[in-house]
PDB file of N, CA and C in Angstrom:
ATOM      1  N   UNK A   1       1.030  -2.691 -89.537  1.00  0.00           N
ATOM      2  CA  UNK A   1       1.326  -4.052 -89.878  1.00  0.00           C
ATOM      3  C   UNK A   1       1.351  -4.575 -88.464  1.00  0.00           C
ATOM      4  N   UNK A   2       0.178  -5.931 -88.482  1.00  0.00           N
ATOM      5  CA  UNK A   2       0.424  -6.795 -87.345  1.00  0.00           C
ATOM      6  C   UNK A   2       1.436  -8.021 -86.661  1.00  0.00           C
ATOM      7  N   UNK A   3       1.938  -7.946 -85.958  1.00  0.00           N
ATOM      8  CA  UNK A   3       3.350  -9.128 -86.245  1.00  0.00           C
ATOM      9  C   UNK A   3       2.550 -10.207 -84.921  1.00  0.00           C
ATOM     10  N   UNK A   4       1.745 -11.183 -85.965  1.00  0.00           N
ATOM     11  CA  UNK A   4       1.036 -11.959 -83.993  1.00  0.00           C
ATOM     12  C   UNK A   4       2.601 -12.835 -84.455  1.00  0.00           C
ATOM     13  N   UNK A   5       2.723 -12.568 -82.693  1.00  0.00           N
ATOM     14  CA  UNK A   5       4.167 -13.020 -82.044  1.00  0.00           C
ATOM     15  C   UNK A   5       3.609 -14.694 -81.754  1.00  0.00           C
ATOM     16  N   UNK A   6       2.675 -14.863 -81.570  1.00  0.00           N
ATOM     17  CA  UNK A   6       1.911 -16.283 -80.885  1.00  0.00           C
ATOM     18  C   UNK A   6       2.458 -17.026 -82.174  1.00  0.00           C
ATOM     19  N   UNK A   7       2.745 -17.107 -83.025  1.00  0.00           N
ATOM     20  CA  UNK A   7       3.224 -17.399 -83.993  1.00  0.00           C
ATOM     21  C   UNK A   7       4.482 -18.658 -84.158  1.00  0.00           C
ATOM     22  N   UNK A   8       5.180 -17.535 -82.968  1.00  0.00           N
ATOM     23  CA  UNK A   8       6.484 -17.880 -83.301  1.00  0.00           C
ATOM     24  C   UNK A   8       7.246 -18.634 -82.260  1.00  0.00           C
ATOM     25  N   UNK A   9       6.341 -18.288 -80.908  1.00  0.00           N
ATOM     26  CA  UNK A   9       6.577 -18.621 -79.779  1.00  0.00           C
ATOM     27  C   UNK A   9       6.593 -19.967 -79.645  1.00  0.00           C
ATOM     28  N   UNK A  10       7.663 -20.688 -78.554  1.00  0.00           N
ATOM     29  CA  UNK A  10       7.177 -22.084 -78.466  1.00  0.00           C
ATOM     30  C   UNK A  10       5.955 -22.330 -77.731  1.00  0.00           C
ATOM     31  N   UNK A  11       5.253 -23.574 -77.898  1.00  0.00           N
ATOM     32  CA  UNK A  11       4.104 -23.966 -76.688  1.00  0.00           C
ATOM     33  C   UNK A  11       4.367 -23.884 -75.842  1.00  0.00           C
ATOM     34  N   UNK A  12       5.110 -24.324 -74.800  1.00  0.00           N
ATOM     35  CA  UNK A  12       5.246 -24.018 -73.314  1.00  0.00           C
ATOM     36  C   UNK A  12       5.346 -22.877 -72.696  1.00  0.00           C
ATOM     37  N   UNK A  13       5.204 -21.149 -74.177  1.00  0.00           N
ATOM     38  CA  UNK A  13       4.719 -20.046 -73.481  1.00  0.00           C
ATOM     39  C   UNK A  13       3.348 -19.811 -74.137  1.00  0.00           C
ATOM     40  N   UNK A  14       3.098 -20.303 -75.616  1.00  0.00           N
ATOM     41  CA  UNK A  14       1.963 -19.712 -76.432  1.00  0.00           C
ATOM     42  C   UNK A  14       0.600 -20.237 -75.619  1.00  0.00           C
ATOM     43  N   UNK A  15       0.749 -21.446 -75.045  1.00  0.00           N
ATOM     44  CA  UNK A  15      -0.456 -22.714 -74.880  1.00  0.00           C
ATOM     45  C   UNK A  15      -1.074 -21.693 -73.520  1.00  0.00           C
ATOM     46  N   UNK A  16      -0.129 -21.117 -72.447  1.00  0.00           N
ATOM     47  CA  UNK A  16      -0.798 -20.545 -71.530  1.00  0.00           C
ATOM     48  C   UNK A  16      -1.593 -19.826 -72.003  1.00  0.00           C
ATOM     49  N   UNK A  17      -0.689 -19.000 -72.342  1.00  0.00           N
ATOM     50  CA  UNK A  17      -0.866 -17.265 -73.006  1.00  0.00           C
ATOM     51  C   UNK A  17      -2.735 -17.587 -73.906  1.00  0.00           C
ATOM     52  N   UNK A  18      -2.835 -18.427 -75.412  1.00  0.00           N
ATOM     53  CA  UNK A  18      -3.320 -18.609 -76.372  1.00  0.00           C
ATOM     54  C   UNK A  18      -4.371 -19.526 -76.322  1.00  0.00           C
ATOM     55  N   UNK A  19      -3.605 -20.615 -75.607  1.00  0.00           N
ATOM     56  CA  UNK A  19      -4.525 -21.549 -75.172  1.00  0.00           C
ATOM     57  C   UNK A  19      -4.102 -22.641 -76.278  1.00  0.00           C
ATOM     58  N   UNK A  20      -4.481 -24.109 -76.428  1.00  0.00           N
ATOM     59  CA  UNK A  20      -4.217 -25.013 -76.991  1.00  0.00           C
ATOM     60  C   UNK A  20      -4.572 -24.835 -78.271  1.00  0.00           C
ATOM     61  N   UNK A  21      -4.689 -23.811 -79.232  1.00  0.00           N
ATOM     62  CA  UNK A  21      -5.537 -23.517 -80.730  1.00  0.00           C
ATOM     63  C   UNK A  21      -5.278 -25.548 -81.810  1.00  0.00           C
ATOM     64  N   UNK A  22      -4.440 -26.200 -82.010  1.00  0.00           N
ATOM     65  CA  UNK A  22      -3.858 -27.290 -82.116  1.00  0.00           C
ATOM     66  C   UNK A  22      -5.022 -28.330 -81.851  1.00  0.00           C
ATOM     67  N   UNK A  23      -4.905 -28.740 -80.232  1.00  0.00           N
ATOM     68  CA  UNK A  23      -5.579 -29.280 -79.585  1.00  0.00           C
ATOM     69  C   UNK A  23      -7.490 -29.070 -80.286  1.00  0.00           C
ATOM     70  N   UNK A  24      -7.729 -27.580 -79.665  1.00  0.00           N
ATOM     71  CA  UNK A  24      -8.994 -27.253 -79.349  1.00  0.00           C
ATOM     72  C   UNK A  24      -9.833 -26.544 -80.921  1.00  0.00           C
ATOM     73  N   UNK A  25      -8.955 -26.076 -81.297  1.00  0.00           N
ATOM     74  CA  UNK A  25      -9.463 -25.720 -82.862  1.00  0.00           C
ATOM     75  C   UNK A  25      -9.185 -23.862 -82.644  1.00  0.00           C
ATOM     76  N   UNK A  26     -10.202 -22.794 -83.205  1.00  0.00           N
ATOM     77  CA  UNK A  26     -10.205 -21.769 -83.043  1.00  0.00           C
ATOM     78  C   UNK A  26     -11.596 -21.099 -82.790  1.00  0.00           C
ATOM     79  N   UNK A  27     -12.486 -22.131 -82.233  1.00  0.00           N
ATOM     80  CA  UNK A  27     -13.871 -21.765 -82.647  1.00  0.00           C
ATOM     81  C   UNK A  27     -14.851 -21.855 -81.490  1.00  0.00           C
ATOM     82  N   UNK A  28     -14.932 -21.708 -81.095  1.00  0.00           N
ATOM     83  CA  UNK A  28     -15.809 -22.259 -79.634  1.00  0.00           C
ATOM     84  C   UNK A  28     -17.265 -23.035 -80.567  1.00  0.00           C
ATOM     85  N   UNK A  29     -16.836 -24.445 -79.037  1.00  0.00           N
ATOM     86  CA  UNK A  29     -18.300 -25.267 -79.730  1.00  0.00           C
ATOM     87  C   UNK A  29     -19.423 -25.069 -78.196  1.00  0.00           C
ATOM     88  N   UNK A  30     -20.257 -24.207 -79.187  1.00  0.00           N
ATOM     89  CA  UNK A  30     -21.665 -24.074 -77.943  1.00  0.00           C
ATOM     90  C   UNK A  30     -21.577 -24.929 -76.957  1.00  0.00           C
ATOM     91  N   UNK A  31     -21.792 -26.241 -77.534  1.00  0.00           N
ATOM     92  CA  UNK A  31     -22.407 -27.041 -77.086  1.00  0.00           C
ATOM     93  C   UNK A  31     -21.383 -27.984 -75.734  1.00  0.00           C
ATOM     94  N   UNK A  32     -19.736 -27.162 -75.643  1.00  0.00           N
ATOM     95  CA  UNK A  32     -18.958 -28.259 -74.429  1.00  0.00           C
ATOM     96  C   UNK A  32     -19.263 -27.216 -73.252  1.00  0.00           C
ATOM     97  N   UNK A  33     -19.250 -28.760 -72.359  1.00  0.00           N
ATOM     98  CA  UNK A  33     -19.630 -28.111 -71.381  1.00  0.00           C
ATOM     99  C   UNK A  33     -18.850 -27.053 -70.581  1.00  0.00           C
ATOM    100  N   UNK A  34     -17.354 -27.360 -70.529  1.00  0.00           N
ATOM    101  CA  UNK A  34     -16.720 -26.074 -70.285  1.00  0.00           C
ATOM    102  C   UNK A  34     -17.281 -24.915 -70.747  1.00  0.00           C
ATOM    103  N   UNK A  35     -17.128 -24.532 -71.781  1.00  0.00           N
ATOM    104  CA  UNK A  35     -17.608 -23.768 -72.234  1.00  0.00           C
ATOM    105  C   UNK A  35     -18.738 -22.905 -71.836  1.00  0.00           C
ATOM    106  N   UNK A  36     -19.888 -23.793 -71.751  1.00  0.00           N
ATOM    107  CA  UNK A  36     -21.598 -22.885 -71.083  1.00  0.00           C
ATOM    108  C   UNK A  36     -21.259 -22.812 -69.615  1.00  0.00           C
ATOM    109  N   UNK A  37     -20.066 -23.179 -69.272  1.00  0.00           N
ATOM    110  CA  UNK A  37     -19.385 -23.251 -67.387  1.00  0.00           C
ATOM    111  C   UNK A  37     -18.649 -21.540 -67.597  1.00  0.00           C
ATOM    112  N   UNK A  38     -18.079 -21.271 -68.351  1.00  0.00           N
ATOM    113  CA  UNK A  38     -17.468 -20.581 -68.613  1.00  0.00           C
ATOM    114  C   UNK A  38     -17.831 -19.331 -69.074  1.00  0.00           C
ATOM    115  N   UNK A  39     -19.268 -19.491 -69.704  1.00  0.00           N
ATOM    116  CA  UNK A  39     -19.866 -18.131 -70.161  1.00  0.00           C
ATOM    117  C   UNK A  39     -20.477 -17.809 -68.741  1.00  0.00           C
ATOM    118  N   UNK A  40     -21.345 -18.451 -67.647  1.00  0.00           N
ATOM    119  CA  UNK A  40     -21.572 -17.998 -66.533  1.00  0.00           C
ATOM    120  C   UNK A  40     -21.273 -17.687 -65.771  1.00  0.00           C
ATOM    121  N   UNK A  41     -19.599 -18.268 -65.739  1.00  0.00           N
ATOM    122  CA  UNK A  41     -19.065 -17.558 -64.825  1.00  0.00           C
ATOM    123  C   UNK A  41     -17.614 -16.357 -64.260  1.00  0.00           C
ATOM    124  N   UNK A  42     -17.344 -16.214 -66.098  1.00  0.00           N
ATOM    125  CA  UNK A  42     -16.432 -15.310 -66.308  1.00  0.00           C
ATOM    126  C   UNK A  42     -16.466 -13.775 -65.666  1.00  0.00           C
ATOM    127  N   UNK A  43     -17.938 -13.580 -65.821  1.00  0.00           N
ATOM    128  CA  UNK A  43     -17.840 -11.443 -65.853  1.00  0.00           C
ATOM    129  C   UNK A  43     -17.745 -11.933 -64.575  1.00  0.00           C
ATOM    130  N   UNK A  44     -18.600 -12.432 -63.468  1.00  0.00           N
ATOM    131  CA  UNK A  44     -18.097 -12.354 -62.204  1.00  0.00           C
ATOM    132  C   UNK A  44     -16.141 -12.232 -62.078  1.00  0.00           C
ATOM    133  N   UNK A  45     -16.076 -13.697 -62.416  1.00  0.00           N
ATOM    134  CA  UNK A  45     -14.407 -14.262 -62.347  1.00  0.00           C
ATOM    135  C   UNK A  45     -13.938 -12.883 -62.591  1.00  0.00           C
ATOM    136  N   UNK A  46     -13.906 -11.995 -63.483  1.00  0.00           N
ATOM    137  CA  UNK A  46     -12.957 -10.634 -64.668  1.00  0.00           C
ATOM    138  C   UNK A  46     -13.181  -9.590 -63.077  1.00  0.00           C
ATOM    139  N   UNK A  47     -14.605  -9.844 -62.530  1.00  0.00           N
ATOM    140  CA  UNK A  47     -14.691  -8.462 -62.097  1.00  0.00           C
ATOM    141  C   UNK A  47     -14.459  -8.956 -61.012  1.00  0.00           C
ATOM    142  N   UNK A  48     -14.318  -9.595 -59.851  1.00  0.00           N
ATOM    143  CA  UNK A  48     -13.044 -10.265 -58.454  1.00  0.00           C
ATOM    144  C   UNK A  48     -11.862 -10.333 -58.820  1.00  0.00           C
ATOM    145  N   UNK A  49     -11.515 -10.694 -59.653  1.00  0.00           N
ATOM    146  CA  UNK A  49      -9.873 -10.503 -59.654  1.00  0.00           C
ATOM    147  C   UNK A  49      -9.149  -9.876 -60.540  1.00  0.00           C
ATOM    148  N   UNK A  50     -10.190  -9.038 -61.498  1.00  0.00           N
ATOM    149  CA  UNK A  50      -9.226  -8.492 -62.701  1.00  0.00           C
ATOM    150  C   UNK A  50      -9.819  -6.707 -62.090  1.00  0.00           C
ATOM    151  N   UNK A  51     -10.712  -6.666 -61.761  1.00  0.00           N
ATOM    152  CA  UNK A  51     -11.377  -4.954 -61.591  1.00  0.00           C
ATOM    153  C   UNK A  51     -11.239  -4.306 -60.071  1.00  0.00           C
ATOM    154  N   UNK A  52     -11.008  -5.457 -59.493  1.00  0.00           N
ATOM    155  CA  UNK A  52     -10.538  -5.487 -57.563  1.00  0.00           C
ATOM    156  C   UNK A  52      -9.503  -6.304 -57.195  1.00  0.00           C
ATOM    157  N   UNK A  53      -9.816  -6.073 -55.909  1.00  0.00           N
ATOM    158  CA  UNK A  53      -8.897  -7.562 -54.733  1.00  0.00           C
ATOM    159  C   UNK A  53      -6.936  -7.170 -55.622  1.00  0.00           C
ATOM    160  N   UNK A  54      -6.574  -8.337 -55.990  1.00  0.00           N
ATOM    161  CA  UNK A  54      -5.091  -8.697 -56.492  1.00  0.00           C
ATOM    162  C   UNK A  54      -4.653  -7.972 -58.126  1.00  0.00           C
ATOM    163  N   UNK A  55      -5.422  -8.108 -58.557  1.00  0.00           N
ATOM    164  CA  UNK A  55      -5.504  -7.718 -60.880  1.00  0.00           C
ATOM    165  C   UNK A  55      -5.783  -6.207 -59.905  1.00  0.00           C
ATOM    166  N   UNK A  56      -5.928  -5.691 -59.378  1.00  0.00           N
ATOM    167  CA  UNK A  56      -6.417  -4.098 -59.559  1.00  0.00           C
ATOM    168  C   UNK A  56      -5.260  -3.513 -59.318  1.00  0.00           C
ATOM    169  N   UNK A  57      -4.530  -3.915 -58.152  1.00  0.00           N
ATOM    170  CA  UNK A  57      -3.085  -4.386 -57.536  1.00  0.00           C
ATOM    171  C   UNK A  57      -2.211  -3.806 -57.989  1.00  0.00           C
ATOM    172  N   UNK A  58      -2.413  -5.531 -59.029  1.00  0.00           N
ATOM    173  CA  UNK A  58      -1.220  -5.185 -60.031  1.00  0.00           C
ATOM    174  C   UNK A  58      -1.349  -4.652 -61.477  1.00  0.00           C
ATOM    175  N   UNK A  59      -2.085  -3.740 -61.409  1.00  0.00           N
ATOM    176  CA  UNK A  59      -1.873  -3.165 -62.804  1.00  0.00           C
ATOM    177  C   UNK A  59      -1.747  -2.230 -61.991  1.00  0.00           C
ATOM    178  N   UNK A  60      -1.956  -1.443 -61.481  1.00  0.00           N
ATOM    179  CA  UNK A  60      -2.137   0.000 -60.693  1.00  0.00           C
ATOM    180  C   UNK A  60      -0.763   0.344 -60.399  1.00  0.00           C
ATOM    181  N   UNK A  61      -0.034  -0.770 -59.501  1.00  0.00           N
ATOM    182  CA  UNK A  61       1.336  -0.928 -59.557  1.00  0.00           C
ATOM    183  C   UNK A  61       2.209  -0.649 -60.556  1.00  0.00           C
ATOM    184  N   UNK A  62       1.923  -1.645 -61.787  1.00  0.00           N
ATOM    185  CA  UNK A  62       3.140  -1.648 -63.013  1.00  0.00           C
ATOM    186  C   UNK A  62       2.205   0.035 -63.636  1.00  0.00           C
ATOM    187  N   UNK A  63       1.252   0.373 -63.351  1.00  0.00           N
ATOM    188  CA  UNK A  63       1.193   1.987 -63.875  1.00  0.00           C
ATOM    189  C   UNK A  63       1.919   3.299 -63.133  1.00  0.00           C
ATOM    190  N   UNK A  64       1.366   2.766 -62.276  1.00  0.00           N
ATOM    191  CA  UNK A  64       2.977   3.445 -61.441  1.00  0.00           C
ATOM    192  C   UNK A  64       4.143   3.277 -61.496  1.00  0.00           C
ATOM    193  N   UNK A  65       4.410   2.032 -62.155  1.00  0.00           N
ATOM    194  CA  UNK A  65       6.291   1.956 -62.445  1.00  0.00           C
ATOM    195  C   UNK A  65       6.276   2.803 -63.356  1.00  0.00           C
ATOM    196  N   UNK A  66       5.161   2.685 -64.475  1.00  0.00           N
ATOM    197  CA  UNK A  66       5.307   2.993 -66.375  1.00  0.00           C
ATOM    198  C   UNK A  66       5.426   4.021 -66.429  1.00  0.00           C
ATOM    199  N   UNK A  67       4.462   4.959 -65.791  1.00  0.00           N
ATOM    200  CA  UNK A  67       4.547   6.695 -65.771  1.00  0.00           C
ATOM    201  C   UNK A  67       6.098   7.113 -65.230  1.00  0.00           C
ATOM    202  N   UNK A  68       6.852   6.288 -64.804  1.00  0.00           N
ATOM    203  CA  UNK A  68       8.537   6.569 -64.465  1.00  0.00           C
ATOM    204  C   UNK A  68       9.702   6.529 -65.584  1.00  0.00           C
ATOM    205  N   UNK A  69       8.853   5.569 -66.801  1.00  0.00           N
ATOM    206  CA  UNK A  69       9.642   5.181 -67.808  1.00  0.00           C
ATOM    207  C   UNK A  69       9.246   6.091 -68.765  1.00  0.00           C
ATOM    208  N   UNK A  70      10.402   7.101 -69.178  1.00  0.00           N
ATOM    209  CA  UNK A  70      10.408   7.891 -70.805  1.00  0.00           C
ATOM    210  C   UNK A  70      10.997   6.876 -71.913  1.00  0.00           C
ATOM    211  N   UNK A  71       9.840   6.595 -72.708  1.00  0.00           N
ATOM    212  CA  UNK A  71       9.356   5.434 -73.605  1.00  0.00           C
ATOM    213  C   UNK A  71       9.530   6.582 -75.307  1.00  0.00           C
ATOM    214  N   UNK A  72       9.960   8.107 -74.822  1.00  0.00           N
ATOM    215  CA  UNK A  72      10.213   8.483 -76.163  1.00  0.00           C
ATOM    216  C   UNK A  72      10.552   8.053 -77.506  1.00  0.00           C
ATOM    217  N   UNK A  73      10.600   7.635 -78.310  1.00  0.00           N
ATOM    218  CA  UNK A  73      11.030   7.049 -80.000  1.00  0.00           C
ATOM    219  C   UNK A  73      11.546   5.605 -79.503  1.00  0.00           C
ATOM    220  N   UNK A  74      11.065   5.068 -78.463  1.00  0.00           N
ATOM    221  CA  UNK A  74      11.114   3.619 -78.285  1.00  0.00           C
ATOM    222  C   UNK A  74       9.974   3.094 -78.770  1.00  0.00           C
ATOM    223  N   UNK A  75      10.489   1.716 -79.154  1.00  0.00           N
ATOM    224  CA  UNK A  75       9.448   0.899 -79.510  1.00  0.00           C
ATOM    225  C   UNK A  75       9.058   0.088 -78.818  1.00  0.00           C
ATOM    226  N   UNK A  76       7.713  -0.783 -78.381  1.00  0.00           N
ATOM    227  CA  UNK A  76       6.685  -1.598 -77.295  1.00  0.00           C
ATOM    228  C   UNK A  76       6.712  -2.668 -77.662  1.00  0.00           C
ATOM    229  N   UNK A  77       6.982  -3.483 -77.141  1.00  0.00           N
ATOM    230  CA  UNK A  77       6.498  -4.923 -77.425  1.00  0.00           C
ATOM    231  C   UNK A  77       5.907  -5.529 -76.097  1.00  0.00           C
ATOM    232  N   UNK A  78       4.105  -6.289 -76.034  1.00  0.00           N
ATOM    233  CA  UNK A  78       3.430  -6.033 -75.424  1.00  0.00           C
ATOM    234  C   UNK A  78       2.889  -7.668 -75.772  1.00  0.00           C
ATOM    235  N   UNK A  79       3.428  -8.893 -74.983  1.00  0.00           N
ATOM    236  CA  UNK A  79       3.047 -10.049 -74.893  1.00  0.00           C
ATOM    237  C   UNK A  79       1.561 -10.322 -74.383  1.00  0.00           C
ATOM    238  N   UNK A  80       0.859 -10.893 -74.360  1.00  0.00           N
ATOM    239  CA  UNK A  80      -0.632 -10.836 -73.941  1.00  0.00           C
ATOM    240  C   UNK A  80      -1.810 -11.733 -74.609  1.00  0.00           C
ATOM    241  N   UNK A  81      -2.754 -12.140 -74.185  1.00  0.00           N
ATOM    242  CA  UNK A  81      -3.508 -13.255 -74.926  1.00  0.00           C
ATOM    243  C   UNK A  81      -4.161 -12.297 -76.116  1.00  0.00           C
ATOM    244  N   UNK A  82      -4.645 -10.865 -75.453  1.00  0.00           N
ATOM    245  CA  UNK A  82      -5.439 -10.056 -76.085  1.00  0.00           C
ATOM    246  C   UNK A  82      -5.719  -8.281 -75.739  1.00  0.00           C
ATOM    247  N   UNK A  83      -6.471  -8.353 -76.084  1.00  0.00           N
ATOM    248  CA  UNK A  83      -7.733  -6.582 -75.167  1.00  0.00           C
ATOM    249  C   UNK A  83      -7.822  -6.432 -74.497  1.00  0.00           C
ATOM    250  N   UNK A  84      -7.511  -6.252 -73.469  1.00  0.00           N
ATOM    251  CA  UNK A  84      -7.933  -5.894 -72.099  1.00  0.00           C
ATOM    252  C   UNK A  84      -7.956  -4.454 -71.485  1.00  0.00           C
ATOM    253  N   UNK A  85      -8.638  -3.935 -71.867  1.00  0.00           N
ATOM    254  CA  UNK A  85      -8.184  -1.589 -71.439  1.00  0.00           C
ATOM    255  C   UNK A  85      -9.253  -1.991 -69.627  1.00  0.00           C
ATOM    256  N   UNK A  86      -7.984  -1.248 -69.020  1.00  0.00           N
ATOM    257  CA  UNK A  86      -8.208  -1.452 -67.727  1.00  0.00           C
ATOM    258  C   UNK A  86      -8.614  -0.009 -67.098  1.00  0.00           C
ATOM    259  N   UNK A  87      -9.367   0.003 -66.606  1.00  0.00           N
ATOM    260  CA  UNK A  87      -9.791   1.665 -66.492  1.00  0.00           C
ATOM    261  C   UNK A  87      -9.285   2.244 -65.370  1.00  0.00           C
TER     262      UNK A  87
END
């Protein structure tokens, strides 16, 4: 069972994580100028900020901390905008 926490969070938390879905909807508008611009830059943006530099440093630091935490028998709640696998 998947519990969608975004349904229960207040807007001041929900909107920065998942966007203003009430205002903008759930579907991409292909002709939207902001969407077209994002399509041109998102891969470069991700690689520059997540796969290297600051993003990688933050992720690596988090993994080092979590490697020392015993989670045996524990339940984990992760709040995030989606599934991003970091290698």
